[in-house]
Amino acid sequence: MLVKLYETNPNQREIDKVVGILKDGGIVIYPTDTVYAMGCDALNVRAVEKICKLKGINPQKTNLSIICSDLSNISEYAKVNNTVFKLMKKNLPGPFTFILTATGSLPKIYKNRKEVGIRIPDNNIIRTLVQELGNPVLTTSVRDKDDILEYSTDPELIAEEYGETVDVVIDGGYGGLEPSTIVDCTGDEIEIVRQGKGELIE
């Protein structure tokens, strides 16, 4: 199913429909401020396992990332000291993934890694979905396996590719090709481990 949503004023009926799919353990492809991504309710273990299987991700070896709607409930899922919180406040919403130490609130599938990536994209569609869902959304980028650039940026082509394997693809316009900048905040020093879109303001 392909659903058209506009970032400036997403249709509430369509938002409710997608939130219902997420609550039922469904998988959704949606736009972010970087690339199109695939996600599910981050607290639904079966849905998380389904995405890991679909993407060939081993949750024991890969950092899983979640999208929050804002900074207010991040401390529920990750440990944040004052320095890191100030850094996040300066840069979010934005094209960054902050790697933080996970708390005990996330399902066991995350805990084996002890770390979690936190995203608050500068995209109103996904942030609205997360807010309405009331839980964070697990997020993993839609990779372009054939190097056909349009395939991972054009929602209609994404729907052609993934229509049979996911429950809904959100058409939020053309996506980007540059991934988020990954900032590791788990050590003594804050370290950029992947420079993507966006310059970190310190």
Protein backbone atom coordinates (compact mmCIF):
# COMPACT_ATOMS: atom_id res chain seq x y z
CA MET A 1 0.00 0.00 0.00
CA LEU A 2 1.30 3.44 -1.00
CA VAL A 3 0.11 6.38 1.10
CA LYS A 4 0.76 9.99 0.08
CA LEU A 5 1.54 12.36 2.97
CA TYR A 6 2.66 15.99 2.90
CA GLU A 7 5.22 17.11 5.44
CA THR A 8 3.68 20.53 5.99
CA ASN A 9 0.22 19.21 6.80
CA PRO A 10 0.01 15.40 6.99
CA ASN A 11 -3.57 14.09 6.58
CA GLN A 12 -4.76 12.91 10.01
CA ARG A 13 -6.84 10.05 8.61
CA GLU A 14 -3.82 8.65 6.75
CA ILE A 15 -1.61 9.16 9.84
CA ASP A 16 -4.14 7.20 11.93
CA LYS A 17 -4.15 4.42 9.33
CA VAL A 18 -0.33 4.10 9.41
CA VAL A 19 -0.25 4.30 13.24
CA GLY A 20 -2.80 1.47 13.34
CA ILE A 21 -0.50 -0.63 11.12
CA LEU A 22 2.47 0.11 13.42
CA LYS A 23 0.42 -0.83 16.50
CA ASP A 24 -0.46 -4.14 14.84
CA GLY A 25 3.25 -4.93 14.39
CA GLY A 26 3.36 -3.80 10.76
CA ILE A 27 6.40 -2.58 8.82
CA VAL A 28 6.39 0.88 7.26
CA ILE A 29 8.73 2.65 4.82
CA TYR A 30 8.81 6.40 5.40
CA PRO A 31 10.78 9.55 4.51
CA THR A 32 13.31 11.11 6.89
CA ASP A 33 15.53 14.19 6.55
CA THR A 34 18.16 11.96 4.91
CA VAL A 35 17.22 8.73 3.09
CA TYR A 36 14.00 6.71 3.03
CA ALA A 37 13.89 4.26 5.93
CA MET A 38 12.08 1.13 7.05
CA GLY A 39 10.70 0.85 10.55
CA CYS A 40 8.25 -0.61 13.05
CA ASP A 41 7.15 -0.07 16.64
CA ALA A 42 10.53 -0.33 18.41
CA LEU A 43 8.93 -2.00 21.45
CA ASN A 44 7.26 -4.75 19.41
CA VAL A 45 9.84 -7.56 19.49
CA ARG A 46 8.20 -9.62 16.73
CA ALA A 47 8.12 -6.63 14.40
CA VAL A 48 11.77 -5.81 15.19
CA GLU A 49 12.75 -9.43 14.48
CA LYS A 50 10.82 -9.29 11.19
CA ILE A 51 12.79 -6.21 10.06
CA CYS A 52 16.12 -7.72 11.13
CA LYS A 53 15.30 -10.81 9.06
CA LEU A 54 14.13 -8.76 6.09
CA LYS A 55 17.28 -6.60 6.08
CA GLY A 56 19.67 -9.44 6.99
CA ILE A 57 20.62 -7.62 10.19
CA ASN A 58 22.06 -9.57 13.12
CA PRO A 59 20.83 -7.64 16.19
CA GLN A 60 23.68 -9.20 18.22
CA LYS A 61 26.26 -7.48 15.98
CA THR A 62 24.54 -4.39 14.64
CA ASN A 63 23.64 -1.20 16.45
CA LEU A 64 19.88 -0.73 16.20
CA SER A 65 18.54 2.81 15.97
CA ILE A 66 15.24 4.26 17.09
CA ILE A 67 13.38 7.44 16.17
CA CYS A 68 11.93 9.58 18.94
CA SER A 69 9.54 12.48 18.32
CA ASP A 70 11.52 14.87 20.53
CA LEU A 71 14.10 15.00 23.33
CA SER A 72 11.59 14.76 26.18
CA ASN A 73 11.51 10.97 26.55
CA ILE A 74 14.99 10.01 25.32
CA SER A 75 16.23 9.33 28.89
CA GLU A 76 13.68 6.51 29.03
CA TYR A 77 15.61 4.57 26.39
CA ALA A 78 19.18 5.85 26.66
CA LYS A 79 21.53 7.28 29.26
CA VAL A 80 22.20 10.94 28.55
CA ASN A 81 24.53 13.19 30.55
CA ASN A 82 24.27 16.99 30.50
CA THR A 83 27.02 17.50 27.90
CA VAL A 84 25.44 15.04 25.45
CA PHE A 85 21.94 16.41 26.09
CA LYS A 86 23.13 19.96 25.26
CA LEU A 87 24.83 18.67 22.09
CA MET A 88 21.65 16.86 21.02
CA LYS A 89 19.52 19.91 21.78
CA LYS A 90 21.72 22.04 19.49
CA ASN A 91 21.56 19.56 16.59
CA LEU A 92 18.12 17.95 16.75
CA PRO A 93 15.80 17.65 14.94
CA GLY A 94 18.42 17.00 12.30
CA PRO A 95 20.31 14.43 10.19
CA PHE A 96 22.21 12.82 13.07
CA THR A 97 22.26 9.44 14.79
CA PHE A 98 23.54 9.67 18.36
CA ILE A 99 24.93 6.38 19.72
CA LEU A 100 24.13 6.20 23.43
CA THR A 101 24.19 3.59 26.20
CA ALA A 102 20.80 1.85 26.27
CA THR A 103 18.65 1.72 29.42
CA GLY A 104 16.57 -1.25 30.57
CA SER A 105 13.36 0.04 28.89
CA LEU A 106 14.11 -1.44 25.49
CA PRO A 107 13.27 -5.08 24.68
CA LYS A 108 15.97 -7.73 25.16
CA ILE A 109 16.73 -7.78 21.42
CA TYR A 110 18.51 -4.41 21.89
CA LYS A 111 20.22 -5.17 25.19
CA ASN A 112 22.78 -7.59 23.82
CA ARG A 113 24.44 -4.57 22.18
CA LYS A 114 24.15 -2.29 25.26
CA GLU A 115 24.01 0.69 22.87
CA VAL A 116 21.23 2.30 20.88
CA GLY A 117 21.21 4.89 18.11
CA ILE A 118 18.82 7.80 18.65
CA ARG A 119 17.34 9.75 15.73
CA ILE A 120 15.04 12.77 15.73
CA PRO A 121 14.82 13.55 12.02
CA ASP A 122 13.89 16.99 10.73
CA ASN A 123 10.86 15.49 9.01
CA ASN A 124 7.36 16.17 10.26
CA ILE A 125 5.80 12.99 8.80
CA ILE A 126 7.85 10.46 10.78
CA ARG A 127 7.91 12.59 13.93
CA THR A 128 4.10 12.86 13.83
CA LEU A 129 3.82 9.07 13.40
CA VAL A 130 6.10 8.46 16.40
CA GLN A 131 4.18 10.98 18.52
CA GLU A 132 0.81 9.41 17.65
CA LEU A 133 2.15 5.88 18.18
CA GLY A 134 3.44 6.80 21.64
CA ASN A 135 6.50 4.55 21.19
CA PRO A 136 9.78 5.06 19.36
CA VAL A 137 10.13 3.56 15.89
CA LEU A 138 12.97 1.22 15.00
CA THR A 139 14.68 2.65 11.91
CA THR A 140 16.98 1.23 9.24
CA SER A 141 17.68 2.92 5.92
CA VAL A 142 16.30 1.54 2.67
CA ARG A 143 19.48 0.45 0.93
CA ASP A 144 19.91 0.59 -2.80
CA LYS A 145 21.23 -2.85 -3.64
CA ASP A 146 21.53 -2.30 -7.41
CA ASP A 147 23.11 1.17 -7.32
CA ILE A 148 20.14 2.58 -9.23
CA LEU A 149 19.95 5.93 -7.49
CA GLU A 150 16.25 6.61 -8.22
CA TYR A 151 15.26 3.30 -6.68
CA SER A 152 16.01 4.37 -3.10
CA THR A 153 14.84 7.98 -3.51
CA ASP A 154 11.61 7.55 -5.49
CA PRO A 155 8.78 6.30 -3.22
CA GLU A 156 6.89 4.74 -6.16
CA LEU A 157 9.92 2.64 -7.10
CA ILE A 158 10.45 1.75 -3.42
CA ALA A 159 6.80 0.60 -3.32
CA GLU A 160 7.42 -1.56 -6.42
CA GLU A 161 10.45 -3.14 -4.75
CA TYR A 162 9.06 -3.61 -1.24
CA GLY A 163 5.28 -3.64 -1.80
CA GLU A 164 5.05 -7.37 -1.14
CA THR A 165 7.26 -7.37 1.97
CA VAL A 166 6.16 -4.29 3.94
CA ASP A 167 2.68 -3.17 4.99
CA VAL A 168 2.81 0.43 3.77
CA VAL A 169 5.14 2.78 1.87
CA ILE A 170 4.67 6.48 2.61
CA ASP A 171 5.16 8.78 -0.35
CA GLY A 172 6.56 11.94 1.21
CA GLY A 173 8.23 13.16 -1.99
CA TYR A 174 11.70 12.34 -3.26
CA GLY A 175 14.22 11.25 -0.62
CA GLY A 176 17.93 11.98 -0.33
CA LEU A 177 20.97 9.78 -0.88
CA GLU A 178 23.20 10.97 1.93
CA PRO A 179 22.84 9.06 5.24
CA SER A 180 22.85 10.62 8.70
CA THR A 181 26.03 11.61 10.51
CA ILE A 182 26.70 9.07 13.29
CA VAL A 183 27.95 10.53 16.58
CA ASP A 184 29.25 8.11 19.22
CA CYS A 185 28.58 9.45 22.72
CA THR A 186 29.35 6.26 24.67
CA GLY A 187 33.05 6.98 25.39
CA ASP A 188 34.86 9.74 27.25
CA GLU A 189 35.17 11.74 24.02
CA ILE A 190 32.35 12.47 21.58
CA GLU A 191 33.37 11.00 18.24
CA ILE A 192 31.94 11.27 14.73
CA VAL A 193 32.14 7.72 13.40
CA ARG A 194 30.47 8.46 10.05
CA GLN A 195 30.23 11.86 8.43
CA GLY A 196 26.99 12.05 6.51
CA LYS A 197 24.52 14.84 5.92
CA GLY A 198 24.77 17.70 8.40
CA GLU A 199 27.61 19.39 10.22
CA LEU A 200 27.60 18.81 13.97
CA ILE A 201 27.35 22.04 16.01
CA GLU A 202 29.39 21.64 19.19
